[in-house]
Amino acid sequence: MVYVEGFIVAVPAANKEAYRKHAIEAVPYFKGLGATRLVECWGDDVPDGKLTDFRRAVKARPDEVVLFSWVEYPSKQVRDAANEKMKVEAKDHDMASMPFDGQRMVYGGFSVLVEDGGIGKPGYVDGTVLPIPAGRKDAFRAWAAKAAAALEEHGAVRVVDAWGDDVPDGKVTDFKGAVQATTDEKVAYCWVEWPSKDVRDKGWEKLMADPRMHPDGNEPLFDGKRMIYGGFAPIVDL
């Protein structure tokens, strides 16, 4: 299974093409560090929440759009080595030239628990971040596997559920703050790849009634009120 570096970024809507160009130019660099895939997804159906949501996660301004993005590595070891090299080389990089505010970027490393489906070029992505009690990792894995089967039956082409493994605290934003995680909770970073938004919308109409999408047991697997989720359109997938 792959190892994932997950990101949430707020980008001014006017900078969409500049950001896409920046991301495409970064692909050879990441591939040179051992990455196998880089995906950038532009916020399309990102609802406001009562407690948490993607916009609050990165303190997005009214003129900004939230991106759900990730880099895939063949292992944690490859990812760690890549990050060490990037830390050294970042000293010579002009952060002011970036088409977004890097201080509000949320990022972290995640070990994959469930990965179903093949890697292709999805037309739409559902992204989710969840707070899970640390002691319920196995229960989350078991439920995620059942949910993945249901998702694929209703049109999804790939489902990935990953467990927070290296999720740092940030000065301005971070994954833990994004879902108001408590000290005994871990952050799960998950996504579903769909062939199109239309297939995704029709799939969810049926999935809401599928019992496999609802965790079993009397004890809640996670606090759904603090879950953040949204629909995203890929703008880079290389």
C-alpha atoms as a PDB file:
ATOM      1  CA  MET A   1       0.000   0.000   0.000  1.00  0.00           C
ATOM      2  CA  VAL A   2       1.090   3.580  -0.649  1.00  0.00           C
ATOM      3  CA  TYR A   3       2.002   6.211   1.921  1.00  0.00           C
ATOM      4  CA  VAL A   4       0.184   9.525   1.613  1.00  0.00           C
ATOM      5  CA  GLU A   5       1.145  13.125   2.266  1.00  0.00           C
ATOM      6  CA  GLY A   6      -2.164  14.953   2.519  1.00  0.00           C
ATOM      7  CA  PHE A   7      -2.734  18.686   2.091  1.00  0.00           C
ATOM      8  CA  ILE A   8      -5.517  21.239   2.422  1.00  0.00           C
ATOM      9  CA  VAL A   9      -4.783  24.631   0.878  1.00  0.00           C
ATOM     10  CA  ALA A  10      -6.657  27.913   0.432  1.00  0.00           C
ATOM     11  CA  VAL A  11      -5.989  29.527  -2.960  1.00  0.00           C
ATOM     12  CA  PRO A  12      -7.371  32.834  -4.257  1.00  0.00           C
ATOM     13  CA  ALA A  13      -9.915  32.006  -6.955  1.00  0.00           C
ATOM     14  CA  ALA A  14      -8.104  34.395  -9.300  1.00  0.00           C
ATOM     15  CA  ASN A  15      -4.917  32.317  -8.903  1.00  0.00           C
ATOM     16  CA  LYS A  16      -6.378  29.038 -10.153  1.00  0.00           C
ATOM     17  CA  GLU A  17      -4.309  28.828 -13.328  1.00  0.00           C
ATOM     18  CA  ALA A  18      -1.185  30.127 -11.587  1.00  0.00           C
ATOM     19  CA  TYR A  19      -1.587  27.463  -8.914  1.00  0.00           C
ATOM     20  CA  ARG A  20      -2.197  24.720 -11.480  1.00  0.00           C
ATOM     21  CA  LYS A  21       0.935  25.791 -13.370  1.00  0.00           C
ATOM     22  CA  HIS A  22       2.904  25.850 -10.109  1.00  0.00           C
ATOM     23  CA  ALA A  23       1.721  22.336  -9.241  1.00  0.00           C
ATOM     24  CA  ILE A  24       2.503  20.923 -12.698  1.00  0.00           C
ATOM     25  CA  GLU A  25       6.001  22.389 -12.559  1.00  0.00           C
ATOM     26  CA  ALA A  26       6.490  20.749  -9.144  1.00  0.00           C
ATOM     27  CA  VAL A  27       5.649  17.248 -10.403  1.00  0.00           C
ATOM     28  CA  PRO A  28       9.138  16.407 -11.772  1.00  0.00           C
ATOM     29  CA  TYR A  29      10.661  17.550  -8.489  1.00  0.00           C
ATOM     30  CA  PHE A  30       8.389  15.301  -6.397  1.00  0.00           C
ATOM     31  CA  LYS A  31       8.845  12.389  -8.792  1.00  0.00           C
ATOM     32  CA  GLY A  32      12.599  12.862  -8.455  1.00  0.00           C
ATOM     33  CA  LEU A  33      12.189  12.444  -4.691  1.00  0.00           C
ATOM     34  CA  GLY A  34      10.362   9.151  -5.163  1.00  0.00           C
ATOM     35  CA  ALA A  35       6.716  10.215  -5.330  1.00  0.00           C
ATOM     36  CA  THR A  36       4.512   8.140  -7.626  1.00  0.00           C
ATOM     37  CA  ARG A  37       1.541  10.475  -7.989  1.00  0.00           C
ATOM     38  CA  LEU A  38       0.553  14.090  -7.249  1.00  0.00           C
ATOM     39  CA  VAL A  39      -3.115  15.119  -7.276  1.00  0.00           C
ATOM     40  CA  GLU A  40      -4.560  18.613  -6.815  1.00  0.00           C
ATOM     41  CA  CYS A  41      -8.343  18.978  -6.502  1.00  0.00           C
ATOM     42  CA  TRP A  42     -10.198  22.299  -6.709  1.00  0.00           C
ATOM     43  CA  GLY A  43     -13.115  22.868  -4.337  1.00  0.00           C
ATOM     44  CA  ASP A  44     -16.453  22.444  -6.118  1.00  0.00           C
ATOM     45  CA  ASP A  45     -19.067  21.264  -3.600  1.00  0.00           C
ATOM     46  CA  VAL A  46     -17.628  22.241  -0.211  1.00  0.00           C
ATOM     47  CA  PRO A  47     -20.406  22.931   2.326  1.00  0.00           C
ATOM     48  CA  ASP A  48     -20.186  25.111   5.394  1.00  0.00           C
ATOM     49  CA  GLY A  49     -20.457  23.185   8.669  1.00  0.00           C
ATOM     50  CA  LYS A  50     -21.822  24.134  12.084  1.00  0.00           C
ATOM     51  CA  LEU A  51     -18.623  23.180  13.946  1.00  0.00           C
ATOM     52  CA  THR A  52     -15.988  22.397  11.332  1.00  0.00           C
ATOM     53  CA  ASP A  53     -15.519  22.493   7.578  1.00  0.00           C
ATOM     54  CA  PHE A  54     -12.799  22.696   4.951  1.00  0.00           C
ATOM     55  CA  ARG A  55     -12.900  26.484   4.781  1.00  0.00           C
ATOM     56  CA  ARG A  56     -12.357  26.873   8.505  1.00  0.00           C
ATOM     57  CA  ALA A  57      -9.580  24.296   8.379  1.00  0.00           C
ATOM     58  CA  VAL A  58      -7.398  26.716   6.387  1.00  0.00           C
ATOM     59  CA  LYS A  59      -9.041  29.969   7.508  1.00  0.00           C
ATOM     60  CA  ALA A  60     -10.163  30.574   3.921  1.00  0.00           C
ATOM     61  CA  ARG A  61     -11.075  34.116   2.977  1.00  0.00           C
ATOM     62  CA  PRO A  62     -14.202  34.969   0.950  1.00  0.00           C
ATOM     63  CA  ASP A  63     -12.208  35.195  -2.288  1.00  0.00           C
ATOM     64  CA  GLU A  64     -10.408  31.866  -1.762  1.00  0.00           C
ATOM     65  CA  VAL A  65     -11.180  28.293  -2.839  1.00  0.00           C
ATOM     66  CA  VAL A  66     -10.145  25.234  -0.828  1.00  0.00           C
ATOM     67  CA  LEU A  67      -8.029  22.507  -2.439  1.00  0.00           C
ATOM     68  CA  PHE A  68      -7.856  18.879  -1.310  1.00  0.00           C
ATOM     69  CA  SER A  69      -4.544  17.464  -2.481  1.00  0.00           C
ATOM     70  CA  TRP A  70      -2.183  14.581  -1.892  1.00  0.00           C
ATOM     71  CA  VAL A  71       1.142  13.055  -2.895  1.00  0.00           C
ATOM     72  CA  GLU A  72       1.550   9.276  -3.007  1.00  0.00           C
ATOM     73  CA  TYR A  73       4.829   7.542  -2.120  1.00  0.00           C
ATOM     74  CA  PRO A  74       5.686   3.830  -2.280  1.00  0.00           C
ATOM     75  CA  SER A  75       6.534   3.806   1.448  1.00  0.00           C
ATOM     76  CA  LYS A  76       6.894   5.968   4.542  1.00  0.00           C
ATOM     77  CA  GLN A  77      10.667   5.627   4.284  1.00  0.00           C
ATOM     78  CA  VAL A  78      10.678   7.174   0.806  1.00  0.00           C
ATOM     79  CA  ARG A  79       8.370   9.948   1.957  1.00  0.00           C
ATOM     80  CA  ASP A  80      10.482  10.720   5.040  1.00  0.00           C
ATOM     81  CA  ALA A  81      13.653  10.931   2.959  1.00  0.00           C
ATOM     82  CA  ALA A  82      11.881  13.241   0.505  1.00  0.00           C
ATOM     83  CA  ASN A  83      10.727  15.531   3.302  1.00  0.00           C
ATOM     84  CA  GLU A  84      14.210  15.738   4.782  1.00  0.00           C
ATOM     85  CA  LYS A  85      15.609  16.825   1.442  1.00  0.00           C
ATOM     86  CA  MET A  86      12.797  19.335   0.949  1.00  0.00           C
ATOM     87  CA  LYS A  87      13.487  20.910   4.349  1.00  0.00           C
ATOM     88  CA  VAL A  88      17.064  21.596   3.348  1.00  0.00           C
ATOM     89  CA  GLU A  89      16.167  22.944  -0.077  1.00  0.00           C
ATOM     90  CA  ALA A  90      13.246  25.042   1.234  1.00  0.00           C
ATOM     91  CA  LYS A  91      15.737  27.503   2.740  1.00  0.00           C
ATOM     92  CA  ASP A  92      16.519  28.712  -0.771  1.00  0.00           C
ATOM     93  CA  HIS A  93      12.885  28.900  -1.878  1.00  0.00           C
ATOM     94  CA  ASP A  94      11.027  32.213  -2.013  1.00  0.00           C
ATOM     95  CA  MET A  95       7.724  31.530  -0.227  1.00  0.00           C
ATOM     96  CA  ALA A  96       6.449  34.974  -1.263  1.00  0.00           C
ATOM     97  CA  SER A  97       6.326  33.762  -4.864  1.00  0.00           C
ATOM     98  CA  MET A  98       3.831  31.003  -4.053  1.00  0.00           C
ATOM     99  CA  PRO A  99       0.276  31.541  -5.438  1.00  0.00           C
ATOM    100  CA  PHE A 100      -1.217  30.832  -1.981  1.00  0.00           C
ATOM    101  CA  ASP A 101      -0.527  31.485   1.717  1.00  0.00           C
ATOM    102  CA  GLY A 102       1.757  28.635   2.795  1.00  0.00           C
ATOM    103  CA  GLN A 103       1.369  29.539   6.469  1.00  0.00           C
ATOM    104  CA  ARG A 104      -2.252  28.370   6.356  1.00  0.00           C
ATOM    105  CA  MET A 105      -1.542  25.144   4.481  1.00  0.00           C
ATOM    106  CA  VAL A 106      -2.553  22.011   6.411  1.00  0.00           C
ATOM    107  CA  TYR A 107      -0.406  18.922   5.832  1.00  0.00           C
ATOM    108  CA  GLY A 108       0.561  15.590   7.331  1.00  0.00           C
ATOM    109  CA  GLY A 109       1.613  12.011   6.662  1.00  0.00           C
ATOM    110  CA  PHE A 110      -0.864   9.121   6.612  1.00  0.00           C
ATOM    111  CA  SER A 111      -0.472   5.356   6.469  1.00  0.00           C
ATOM    112  CA  VAL A 112      -3.071   3.683   4.261  1.00  0.00           C
ATOM    113  CA  LEU A 113      -5.486   1.309   6.004  1.00  0.00           C
ATOM    114  CA  VAL A 114      -7.830   0.599   3.090  1.00  0.00           C
ATOM    115  CA  GLU A 115      -7.083   0.978  -0.611  1.00  0.00           C
ATOM    116  CA  ASP A 116      -9.593  -0.432  -3.097  1.00  0.00           C
ATOM    117  CA  GLY A 117      -9.712   0.105  -6.837  1.00  0.00           C
ATOM    118  CA  GLY A 118      -7.183   1.013  -9.470  1.00  0.00           C
ATOM    119  CA  ILE A 119      -5.261   4.220 -10.020  1.00  0.00           C
ATOM    120  CA  GLY A 120      -6.618   6.115 -13.009  1.00  0.00           C
ATOM    121  CA  LYS A 121      -7.666   9.649 -13.876  1.00  0.00           C
ATOM    122  CA  PRO A 122     -10.815  10.394 -11.852  1.00  0.00           C
ATOM    123  CA  GLY A 123     -13.217  13.062 -12.970  1.00  0.00           C
ATOM    124  CA  TYR A 124     -14.279  13.914  -9.424  1.00  0.00           C
ATOM    125  CA  VAL A 125     -13.078  13.349  -5.863  1.00  0.00           C
ATOM    126  CA  ASP A 126     -14.823  13.284  -2.479  1.00  0.00           C
ATOM    127  CA  GLY A 127     -12.452  14.280   0.315  1.00  0.00           C
ATOM    128  CA  THR A 128     -13.033  13.645   4.023  1.00  0.00           C
ATOM    129  CA  VAL A 129     -11.098  14.266   7.235  1.00  0.00           C
ATOM    130  CA  LEU A 130     -12.271  12.557  10.443  1.00  0.00           C
ATOM    131  CA  PRO A 131     -11.345  12.486  14.146  1.00  0.00           C
ATOM    132  CA  ILE A 132     -11.136   8.842  15.296  1.00  0.00           C
ATOM    133  CA  PRO A 133     -10.449   7.583  18.856  1.00  0.00           C
ATOM    134  CA  ALA A 134      -6.934   6.090  18.793  1.00  0.00           C
ATOM    135  CA  GLY A 135      -8.178   2.837  20.310  1.00  0.00           C
ATOM    136  CA  ARG A 136     -10.695   2.289  17.511  1.00  0.00           C
ATOM    137  CA  LYS A 137      -8.212   1.986  14.640  1.00  0.00           C
ATOM    138  CA  ASP A 138      -9.101  -1.642  13.877  1.00  0.00           C
ATOM    139  CA  ALA A 139     -12.827  -0.897  14.080  1.00  0.00           C
ATOM    140  CA  PHE A 140     -12.380   2.017  11.690  1.00  0.00           C
ATOM    141  CA  ARG A 141     -10.412  -0.161   9.271  1.00  0.00           C
ATOM    142  CA  ALA A 142     -13.137  -2.844   9.306  1.00  0.00           C
ATOM    143  CA  TRP A 143     -15.909  -0.315   8.686  1.00  0.00           C
ATOM    144  CA  ALA A 144     -13.912   1.514   5.992  1.00  0.00           C
ATOM    145  CA  ALA A 145     -13.408  -1.770   4.111  1.00  0.00           C
ATOM    146  CA  LYS A 146     -17.179  -2.405   4.060  1.00  0.00           C
ATOM    147  CA  ALA A 147     -17.894   1.163   3.028  1.00  0.00           C
ATOM    148  CA  ALA A 148     -15.313   0.921   0.233  1.00  0.00           C
ATOM    149  CA  ALA A 149     -17.095  -2.135  -1.205  1.00  0.00           C
ATOM    150  CA  ALA A 150     -20.387  -0.246  -1.182  1.00  0.00           C
ATOM    151  CA  LEU A 151     -18.826   2.810  -2.798  1.00  0.00           C
ATOM    152  CA  GLU A 152     -17.351   0.762  -5.630  1.00  0.00           C
ATOM    153  CA  GLU A 153     -20.664  -1.009  -6.222  1.00  0.00           C
ATOM    154  CA  HIS A 154     -22.242   2.401  -6.734  1.00  0.00           C
ATOM    155  CA  GLY A 155     -19.677   3.744  -9.177  1.00  0.00           C
ATOM    156  CA  ALA A 156     -16.500   4.730  -7.324  1.00  0.00           C
ATOM    157  CA  VAL A 157     -13.266   3.712  -9.050  1.00  0.00           C
ATOM    158  CA  ARG A 158     -10.913   3.992  -6.066  1.00  0.00           C
ATOM    159  CA  VAL A 159     -11.326   4.401  -2.303  1.00  0.00           C
ATOM    160  CA  VAL A 160      -8.510   5.259   0.107  1.00  0.00           C
ATOM    161  CA  ASP A 161      -8.712   5.568   3.894  1.00  0.00           C
ATOM    162  CA  ALA A 162      -5.522   6.601   5.673  1.00  0.00           C
ATOM    163  CA  TRP A 163      -4.546   6.905   9.341  1.00  0.00           C
ATOM    164  CA  GLY A 164      -2.684   9.892  10.790  1.00  0.00           C
ATOM    165  CA  ASP A 165       0.900   8.795  11.292  1.00  0.00           C
ATOM    166  CA  ASP A 166       2.919  12.020  11.150  1.00  0.00           C
ATOM    167  CA  VAL A 167       0.502  14.897  11.702  1.00  0.00           C
ATOM    168  CA  PRO A 168       2.380  17.923  13.080  1.00  0.00           C
ATOM    169  CA  ASP A 169       0.981  20.785  15.092  1.00  0.00           C
ATOM    170  CA  GLY A 170       0.939  24.024  13.120  1.00  0.00           C
ATOM    171  CA  LYS A 171       1.351  27.635  14.184  1.00  0.00           C
ATOM    172  CA  VAL A 172      -1.719  28.824  12.273  1.00  0.00           C
ATOM    173  CA  THR A 173      -3.559  25.700  11.053  1.00  0.00           C
ATOM    174  CA  ASP A 174      -3.203  21.915  11.226  1.00  0.00           C
ATOM    175  CA  PHE A 175      -5.177  18.702  10.729  1.00  0.00           C
ATOM    176  CA  LYS A 176      -5.965  18.287  14.421  1.00  0.00           C
ATOM    177  CA  GLY A 177      -7.479  21.754  14.617  1.00  0.00           C
ATOM    178  CA  ALA A 178      -9.376  21.163  11.386  1.00  0.00           C
ATOM    179  CA  VAL A 179     -11.537  18.498  13.079  1.00  0.00           C
ATOM    180  CA  GLN A 180     -11.046  19.673  16.673  1.00  0.00           C
ATOM    181  CA  ALA A 181      -9.308  16.390  17.522  1.00  0.00           C
ATOM    182  CA  THR A 182      -8.864  15.635  21.217  1.00  0.00           C
ATOM    183  CA  THR A 183      -5.651  14.288  22.727  1.00  0.00           C
ATOM    184  CA  ASP A 184      -6.898  10.683  22.480  1.00  0.00           C
ATOM    185  CA  GLU A 185      -7.967  10.960  18.832  1.00  0.00           C
ATOM    186  CA  LYS A 186      -6.163  10.396  15.544  1.00  0.00           C
ATOM    187  CA  VAL A 187      -6.930  12.080  12.240  1.00  0.00           C
ATOM    188  CA  ALA A 188      -8.089  10.004   9.272  1.00  0.00           C
ATOM    189  CA  TYR A 189      -7.581  11.358   5.760  1.00  0.00           C
ATOM    190  CA  CYS A 190      -9.841   9.717   3.190  1.00  0.00           C
ATOM    191  CA  TRP A 191     -10.941  10.139  -0.384  1.00  0.00           C
ATOM    192  CA  VAL A 192     -13.135   8.558  -3.038  1.00  0.00           C
ATOM    193  CA  GLU A 193     -12.323   8.788  -6.743  1.00  0.00           C
ATOM    194  CA  TRP A 194     -15.260   8.870  -9.168  1.00  0.00           C
ATOM    195  CA  PRO A 195     -15.334   8.808 -12.976  1.00  0.00           C
ATOM    196  CA  SER A 196     -17.462  11.987 -12.981  1.00  0.00           C
ATOM    197  CA  LYS A 197     -19.483  14.285 -10.750  1.00  0.00           C
ATOM    198  CA  ASP A 198     -22.697  12.919 -12.243  1.00  0.00           C
ATOM    199  CA  VAL A 199     -21.785   9.350 -11.259  1.00  0.00           C
ATOM    200  CA  ARG A 200     -20.823  10.597  -7.809  1.00  0.00           C
ATOM    201  CA  ASP A 201     -24.117  12.429  -7.289  1.00  0.00           C
ATOM    202  CA  LYS A 202     -26.204   9.453  -8.429  1.00  0.00           C
ATOM    203  CA  GLY A 203     -24.067   7.085  -6.367  1.00  0.00           C
ATOM    204  CA  TRP A 204     -24.579   9.006  -3.159  1.00  0.00           C
ATOM    205  CA  GLU A 205     -28.351   8.987  -3.616  1.00  0.00           C
ATOM    206  CA  LYS A 206     -28.224   5.197  -3.229  1.00  0.00           C
ATOM    207  CA  LEU A 207     -25.336   5.057  -0.758  1.00  0.00           C
ATOM    208  CA  MET A 208     -27.181   7.035   1.888  1.00  0.00           C
ATOM    209  CA  ALA A 209     -29.559   4.081   2.276  1.00  0.00           C
ATOM    210  CA  ASP A 210     -26.835   1.416   2.174  1.00  0.00           C
ATOM    211  CA  PRO A 211     -26.303  -0.019   5.692  1.00  0.00           C
ATOM    212  CA  ARG A 212     -22.603  -0.615   4.968  1.00  0.00           C
ATOM    213  CA  MET A 213     -22.062   3.139   5.038  1.00  0.00           C
ATOM    214  CA  HIS A 214     -23.133   3.340   8.673  1.00  0.00           C
ATOM    215  CA  PRO A 215     -20.750   2.050  11.399  1.00  0.00           C
ATOM    216  CA  ASP A 216     -22.013  -0.858  13.527  1.00  0.00           C
ATOM    217  CA  GLY A 217     -22.192  -0.954  17.310  1.00  0.00           C
ATOM    218  CA  ASN A 218     -23.602   1.183  20.078  1.00  0.00           C
ATOM    219  CA  GLU A 219     -20.416   3.223  20.543  1.00  0.00           C
ATOM    220  CA  PRO A 220     -19.980   5.856  17.807  1.00  0.00           C
ATOM    221  CA  LEU A 221     -16.911   5.236  15.671  1.00  0.00           C
ATOM    222  CA  PHE A 222     -16.335   8.969  15.286  1.00  0.00           C
ATOM    223  CA  ASP A 223     -18.029  12.293  15.954  1.00  0.00           C
ATOM    224  CA  GLY A 224     -19.754  13.076  12.684  1.00  0.00           C
ATOM    225  CA  LYS A 225     -20.374  16.676  13.773  1.00  0.00           C
ATOM    226  CA  ARG A 226     -16.623  17.330  13.544  1.00  0.00           C
ATOM    227  CA  MET A 227     -16.083  15.518  10.242  1.00  0.00           C
ATOM    228  CA  ILE A 228     -15.175  17.750   7.304  1.00  0.00           C
ATOM    229  CA  TYR A 229     -16.057  16.729   3.768  1.00  0.00           C
ATOM    230  CA  GLY A 230     -16.577  18.066   0.279  1.00  0.00           C
ATOM    231  CA  GLY A 231     -16.509  17.433  -3.454  1.00  0.00           C
ATOM    232  CA  PHE A 232     -13.502  18.443  -5.550  1.00  0.00           C
ATOM    233  CA  ALA A 233     -12.617  18.614  -9.237  1.00  0.00           C
ATOM    234  CA  PRO A 234      -9.079  17.404 -10.098  1.00  0.00           C
ATOM    235  CA  ILE A 235      -6.960  20.052 -11.844  1.00  0.00           C
ATOM    236  CA  VAL A 236      -3.639  18.141 -11.691  1.00  0.00           C
ATOM    237  CA  ASP A 237      -3.184  14.362 -11.639  1.00  0.00           C
ATOM    238  CA  LEU A 238       0.301  13.255 -12.638  1.00  0.00           C
END
